[in-house]
Amino acid sequence: MTADAFIFWFLSLITLGSALSVMLLANPVYSALSLVMTMVGISALFVTLGAYFIAGVQLIVYAGAVMVLFVMVLMLFDLRAELQAFSRGQISGALKLATVGALAGLIGGALLLSAGNVAEPSMAEAAKLPPDASKALGIVLFTRHIFGFEALGVLLLVIAIGTVALARAKGGTHAKH
């Protein structure tokens, strides 16, 4: 086994382990941190495959922006009451197991159906792709559409400040009564 293959499989196991811990951990904060680790692991897998642009987008968008939104939502809930609401009952436990089984069956079926249908692009097709596609995309995004990026950054900052204010306000979920 080469070093590249070892690193790929090592990162795959770490990513799968952290993805499983997202579902198995009872504490929502630990689950969110495991989701961050899953997103970072997926980004590292893209790096090992040579897809640096996709790895960067994965890291920035999912591990960064989406996880900030998850943490802000977690701040709004009273985690002790939510934990009790989601962890009781035999029917809900059976429903969770049935859902995981159905999802595993769908994934297994999709893998079996697509096992022999993987076609690799030829060298001629790969040579037709523009070499600077991500550079051209970056130039367009950061020249023509810079206002959208700046407005989104300000909007996310306002949302974060508003979430903290609502969570700490009198009558909020984390306020001291």
C-alpha atoms as a PDB file:
ATOM      1  CA  MET A   1       0.000   0.000   0.000  1.00  0.00           C
ATOM      2  CA  THR A   2       1.406   3.371  -0.991  1.00  0.00           C
ATOM      3  CA  ALA A   3       1.553   6.368   1.310  1.00  0.00           C
ATOM      4  CA  ASP A   4      -1.195   8.138  -0.651  1.00  0.00           C
ATOM      5  CA  ALA A   5      -3.542   5.190  -0.292  1.00  0.00           C
ATOM      6  CA  PHE A   6      -2.759   4.884   3.424  1.00  0.00           C
ATOM      7  CA  ILE A   7      -3.488   8.570   4.023  1.00  0.00           C
ATOM      8  CA  PHE A   8      -6.707   8.351   2.018  1.00  0.00           C
ATOM      9  CA  TRP A   9      -7.984   5.347   3.990  1.00  0.00           C
ATOM     10  CA  PHE A  10      -6.871   6.852   7.306  1.00  0.00           C
ATOM     11  CA  LEU A  11      -8.771  10.063   6.577  1.00  0.00           C
ATOM     12  CA  SER A  12     -11.753   8.033   5.410  1.00  0.00           C
ATOM     13  CA  LEU A  13     -11.890   6.156   8.702  1.00  0.00           C
ATOM     14  CA  ILE A  14     -11.615   9.375  10.700  1.00  0.00           C
ATOM     15  CA  THR A  15     -14.383  10.961   8.616  1.00  0.00           C
ATOM     16  CA  LEU A  16     -16.668   7.952   8.998  1.00  0.00           C
ATOM     17  CA  GLY A  17     -15.993   7.782  12.735  1.00  0.00           C
ATOM     18  CA  SER A  18     -16.838  11.420  13.246  1.00  0.00           C
ATOM     19  CA  ALA A  19     -19.946  11.069  11.053  1.00  0.00           C
ATOM     20  CA  LEU A  20     -21.129   8.162  13.192  1.00  0.00           C
ATOM     21  CA  SER A  21     -20.495  10.162  16.347  1.00  0.00           C
ATOM     22  CA  VAL A  22     -22.764  12.917  14.982  1.00  0.00           C
ATOM     23  CA  MET A  23     -25.624  10.436  15.151  1.00  0.00           C
ATOM     24  CA  LEU A  24     -24.624   8.559  18.286  1.00  0.00           C
ATOM     25  CA  LEU A  25     -23.693  11.370  20.691  1.00  0.00           C
ATOM     26  CA  ALA A  26     -26.558  12.582  22.855  1.00  0.00           C
ATOM     27  CA  ASN A  27     -25.159  16.050  23.549  1.00  0.00           C
ATOM     28  CA  PRO A  28     -26.043  18.398  20.643  1.00  0.00           C
ATOM     29  CA  VAL A  29     -22.903  20.497  21.138  1.00  0.00           C
ATOM     30  CA  TYR A  30     -20.632  17.450  20.860  1.00  0.00           C
ATOM     31  CA  SER A  31     -22.647  16.318  17.880  1.00  0.00           C
ATOM     32  CA  ALA A  32     -22.118  19.683  16.182  1.00  0.00           C
ATOM     33  CA  LEU A  33     -18.378  19.498  16.880  1.00  0.00           C
ATOM     34  CA  SER A  34     -18.313  16.003  15.377  1.00  0.00           C
ATOM     35  CA  LEU A  35     -20.060  17.407  12.317  1.00  0.00           C
ATOM     36  CA  VAL A  36     -17.301  20.012  12.016  1.00  0.00           C
ATOM     37  CA  MET A  37     -14.722  17.218  12.154  1.00  0.00           C
ATOM     38  CA  THR A  38     -16.634  15.346   9.459  1.00  0.00           C
ATOM     39  CA  MET A  39     -16.596  18.391   7.190  1.00  0.00           C
ATOM     40  CA  VAL A  40     -12.872  18.946   7.784  1.00  0.00           C
ATOM     41  CA  GLY A  41     -12.231  15.267   7.038  1.00  0.00           C
ATOM     42  CA  ILE A  42     -14.146  15.486   3.773  1.00  0.00           C
ATOM     43  CA  SER A  43     -12.116  18.547   2.838  1.00  0.00           C
ATOM     44  CA  ALA A  44      -8.900  16.647   3.593  1.00  0.00           C
ATOM     45  CA  LEU A  45     -10.108  13.784   1.398  1.00  0.00           C
ATOM     46  CA  PHE A  46     -10.600  16.228  -1.462  1.00  0.00           C
ATOM     47  CA  VAL A  47      -7.037  17.440  -0.939  1.00  0.00           C
ATOM     48  CA  THR A  48      -5.716  13.876  -1.217  1.00  0.00           C
ATOM     49  CA  LEU A  49      -7.625  13.523  -4.487  1.00  0.00           C
ATOM     50  CA  GLY A  50      -6.062  16.703  -5.879  1.00  0.00           C
ATOM     51  CA  ALA A  51      -9.306  18.724  -5.863  1.00  0.00           C
ATOM     52  CA  TYR A  52      -7.950  21.751  -4.006  1.00  0.00           C
ATOM     53  CA  PHE A  53     -10.668  24.203  -5.032  1.00  0.00           C
ATOM     54  CA  ILE A  54     -13.464  21.876  -3.902  1.00  0.00           C
ATOM     55  CA  ALA A  55     -11.571  21.218  -0.664  1.00  0.00           C
ATOM     56  CA  GLY A  56     -11.358  24.936   0.027  1.00  0.00           C
ATOM     57  CA  VAL A  57     -15.014  25.517  -0.740  1.00  0.00           C
ATOM     58  CA  GLN A  58     -15.959  22.545   1.446  1.00  0.00           C
ATOM     59  CA  LEU A  59     -13.934  23.930   4.312  1.00  0.00           C
ATOM     60  CA  ILE A  60     -15.129  27.517   3.997  1.00  0.00           C
ATOM     61  CA  VAL A  61     -18.806  26.914   3.257  1.00  0.00           C
ATOM     62  CA  TYR A  62     -19.666  23.838   5.276  1.00  0.00           C
ATOM     63  CA  ALA A  63     -17.157  23.729   8.116  1.00  0.00           C
ATOM     64  CA  GLY A  64     -17.300  27.508   8.445  1.00  0.00           C
ATOM     65  CA  ALA A  65     -20.589  29.123   7.554  1.00  0.00           C
ATOM     66  CA  VAL A  66     -23.024  26.254   8.033  1.00  0.00           C
ATOM     67  CA  MET A  67     -21.541  25.272  11.374  1.00  0.00           C
ATOM     68  CA  VAL A  68     -21.770  28.874  12.613  1.00  0.00           C
ATOM     69  CA  LEU A  69     -25.476  28.735  11.847  1.00  0.00           C
ATOM     70  CA  PHE A  70     -25.822  25.393  13.666  1.00  0.00           C
ATOM     71  CA  VAL A  71     -24.111  26.792  16.750  1.00  0.00           C
ATOM     72  CA  MET A  72     -26.356  29.857  16.695  1.00  0.00           C
ATOM     73  CA  VAL A  73     -29.438  27.630  16.575  1.00  0.00           C
ATOM     74  CA  LEU A  74     -28.092  25.553  19.458  1.00  0.00           C
ATOM     75  CA  MET A  75     -27.735  28.761  21.481  1.00  0.00           C
ATOM     76  CA  LEU A  76     -31.463  29.434  21.135  1.00  0.00           C
ATOM     77  CA  PHE A  77     -32.581  26.100  22.617  1.00  0.00           C
ATOM     78  CA  ASP A  78     -32.630  24.972  26.206  1.00  0.00           C
ATOM     79  CA  LEU A  79     -30.487  21.892  25.652  1.00  0.00           C
ATOM     80  CA  ARG A  80     -31.555  20.098  28.835  1.00  0.00           C
ATOM     81  CA  ALA A  81     -35.239  20.149  27.869  1.00  0.00           C
ATOM     82  CA  GLU A  82     -34.484  19.292  24.236  1.00  0.00           C
ATOM     83  CA  LEU A  83     -32.360  16.292  25.242  1.00  0.00           C
ATOM     84  CA  GLN A  84     -35.205  14.874  27.317  1.00  0.00           C
ATOM     85  CA  ALA A  85     -37.698  15.451  24.503  1.00  0.00           C
ATOM     86  CA  PHE A  86     -35.636  13.542  21.928  1.00  0.00           C
ATOM     87  CA  SER A  87     -34.428  10.638  24.064  1.00  0.00           C
ATOM     88  CA  ARG A  88     -37.596   9.087  25.422  1.00  0.00           C
ATOM     89  CA  GLY A  89     -39.891   6.369  24.180  1.00  0.00           C
ATOM     90  CA  GLN A  90     -39.487   2.963  22.627  1.00  0.00           C
ATOM     91  CA  ILE A  91     -41.445   3.926  19.524  1.00  0.00           C
ATOM     92  CA  SER A  92     -39.064   6.762  18.694  1.00  0.00           C
ATOM     93  CA  GLY A  93     -36.088   4.434  19.234  1.00  0.00           C
ATOM     94  CA  ALA A  94     -37.591   1.851  16.872  1.00  0.00           C
ATOM     95  CA  LEU A  95     -38.341   4.585  14.340  1.00  0.00           C
ATOM     96  CA  LYS A  96     -34.725   5.768  14.505  1.00  0.00           C
ATOM     97  CA  LEU A  97     -33.434   2.228  13.930  1.00  0.00           C
ATOM     98  CA  ALA A  98     -35.835   1.685  11.026  1.00  0.00           C
ATOM     99  CA  THR A  99     -34.740   4.952   9.426  1.00  0.00           C
ATOM    100  CA  VAL A 100     -31.057   4.052   9.731  1.00  0.00           C
ATOM    101  CA  GLY A 101     -31.779   0.589   8.281  1.00  0.00           C
ATOM    102  CA  ALA A 102     -33.696   2.043   5.335  1.00  0.00           C
ATOM    103  CA  LEU A 103     -30.930   4.547   4.646  1.00  0.00           C
ATOM    104  CA  ALA A 104     -28.281   1.816   4.808  1.00  0.00           C
ATOM    105  CA  GLY A 105     -30.344  -0.286   2.397  1.00  0.00           C
ATOM    106  CA  LEU A 106     -30.679   2.600  -0.055  1.00  0.00           C
ATOM    107  CA  ILE A 107     -26.964   3.338   0.049  1.00  0.00           C
ATOM    108  CA  GLY A 108     -26.081  -0.350  -0.344  1.00  0.00           C
ATOM    109  CA  GLY A 109     -28.460  -0.715  -3.277  1.00  0.00           C
ATOM    110  CA  ALA A 110     -27.047   2.361  -4.971  1.00  0.00           C
ATOM    111  CA  LEU A 111     -23.508   1.032  -4.534  1.00  0.00           C
ATOM    112  CA  LEU A 112     -24.460  -2.358  -5.987  1.00  0.00           C
ATOM    113  CA  LEU A 113     -26.199  -0.800  -8.983  1.00  0.00           C
ATOM    114  CA  SER A 114     -23.335   1.556  -9.767  1.00  0.00           C
ATOM    115  CA  ALA A 115     -20.451  -0.848  -9.142  1.00  0.00           C
ATOM    116  CA  GLY A 116     -19.788  -1.706 -12.791  1.00  0.00           C
ATOM    117  CA  ASN A 117     -20.866   1.586 -14.363  1.00  0.00           C
ATOM    118  CA  VAL A 118     -17.914   3.769 -13.425  1.00  0.00           C
ATOM    119  CA  ALA A 119     -16.316   5.203 -16.560  1.00  0.00           C
ATOM    120  CA  GLU A 120     -13.013   6.998 -16.255  1.00  0.00           C
ATOM    121  CA  PRO A 121     -12.427   9.987 -18.530  1.00  0.00           C
ATOM    122  CA  SER A 122      -9.799   9.554 -21.161  1.00  0.00           C
ATOM    123  CA  MET A 123      -6.695  11.722 -21.313  1.00  0.00           C
ATOM    124  CA  ALA A 124      -8.102  13.484 -24.394  1.00  0.00           C
ATOM    125  CA  GLU A 125     -11.248  14.489 -22.506  1.00  0.00           C
ATOM    126  CA  ALA A 126      -9.217  15.689 -19.528  1.00  0.00           C
ATOM    127  CA  ALA A 127      -7.015  17.795 -21.800  1.00  0.00           C
ATOM    128  CA  LYS A 128     -10.063  19.659 -23.130  1.00  0.00           C
ATOM    129  CA  LEU A 129     -10.861  21.115 -19.701  1.00  0.00           C
ATOM    130  CA  PRO A 130      -9.681  24.683 -19.118  1.00  0.00           C
ATOM    131  CA  PRO A 131      -6.710  24.691 -16.741  1.00  0.00           C
ATOM    132  CA  ASP A 132      -7.591  27.996 -15.071  1.00  0.00           C
ATOM    133  CA  ALA A 133     -11.299  27.393 -14.430  1.00  0.00           C
ATOM    134  CA  SER A 134     -11.085  28.145 -10.698  1.00  0.00           C
ATOM    135  CA  LYS A 135      -8.934  31.242 -11.286  1.00  0.00           C
ATOM    136  CA  ALA A 136     -11.465  32.638 -13.767  1.00  0.00           C
ATOM    137  CA  LEU A 137     -14.291  31.871 -11.354  1.00  0.00           C
ATOM    138  CA  GLY A 138     -12.470  33.652  -8.533  1.00  0.00           C
ATOM    139  CA  ILE A 139     -11.844  36.725 -10.668  1.00  0.00           C
ATOM    140  CA  VAL A 140     -15.517  36.954 -11.634  1.00  0.00           C
ATOM    141  CA  LEU A 141     -16.761  36.387  -8.085  1.00  0.00           C
ATOM    142  CA  PHE A 142     -14.418  38.873  -6.441  1.00  0.00           C
ATOM    143  CA  THR A 143     -14.772  41.637  -9.040  1.00  0.00           C
ATOM    144  CA  ARG A 144     -18.363  41.608 -10.273  1.00  0.00           C
ATOM    145  CA  HIS A 145     -20.039  40.091  -7.230  1.00  0.00           C
ATOM    146  CA  ILE A 146     -17.990  41.476  -4.330  1.00  0.00           C
ATOM    147  CA  PHE A 147     -20.962  43.395  -2.924  1.00  0.00           C
ATOM    148  CA  GLY A 148     -22.863  40.134  -2.429  1.00  0.00           C
ATOM    149  CA  PHE A 149     -19.999  38.640  -0.433  1.00  0.00           C
ATOM    150  CA  GLU A 150     -19.658  41.743   1.741  1.00  0.00           C
ATOM    151  CA  ALA A 151     -23.424  41.963   2.313  1.00  0.00           C
ATOM    152  CA  LEU A 152     -23.549  38.296   3.286  1.00  0.00           C
ATOM    153  CA  GLY A 153     -20.725  38.802   5.792  1.00  0.00           C
ATOM    154  CA  VAL A 154     -22.545  41.736   7.414  1.00  0.00           C
ATOM    155  CA  LEU A 155     -25.795  39.754   7.444  1.00  0.00           C
ATOM    156  CA  LEU A 156     -24.153  36.792   9.180  1.00  0.00           C
ATOM    157  CA  LEU A 157     -22.625  39.128  11.759  1.00  0.00           C
ATOM    158  CA  VAL A 158     -26.021  40.707  12.473  1.00  0.00           C
ATOM    159  CA  ILE A 159     -27.581  37.244  12.806  1.00  0.00           C
ATOM    160  CA  ALA A 160     -24.889  36.156  15.275  1.00  0.00           C
ATOM    161  CA  ILE A 161     -25.339  39.284  17.404  1.00  0.00           C
ATOM    162  CA  GLY A 162     -29.129  38.930  17.302  1.00  0.00           C
ATOM    163  CA  THR A 163     -28.951  35.279  18.330  1.00  0.00           C
ATOM    164  CA  VAL A 164     -26.782  36.063  21.334  1.00  0.00           C
ATOM    165  CA  ALA A 165     -29.077  38.946  22.299  1.00  0.00           C
ATOM    166  CA  LEU A 166     -32.206  36.768  22.049  1.00  0.00           C
ATOM    167  CA  ALA A 167     -30.645  33.896  23.956  1.00  0.00           C
ATOM    168  CA  ARG A 168     -29.533  36.162  26.821  1.00  0.00           C
ATOM    169  CA  ALA A 169     -32.592  38.441  26.948  1.00  0.00           C
ATOM    170  CA  LYS A 170     -35.133  38.251  29.762  1.00  0.00           C
ATOM    171  CA  GLY A 171     -37.405  35.336  29.018  1.00  0.00           C
ATOM    172  CA  GLY A 172     -34.925  33.805  26.574  1.00  0.00           C
ATOM    173  CA  THR A 173     -33.952  30.167  26.766  1.00  0.00           C
ATOM    174  CA  HIS A 174     -30.705  30.737  28.670  1.00  0.00           C
ATOM    175  CA  ALA A 175     -31.765  33.723  30.771  1.00  0.00           C
ATOM    176  CA  LYS A 176     -31.471  33.481  34.526  1.00  0.00           C
ATOM    177  CA  HIS A 177     -34.997  33.709  35.905  1.00  0.00           C
END
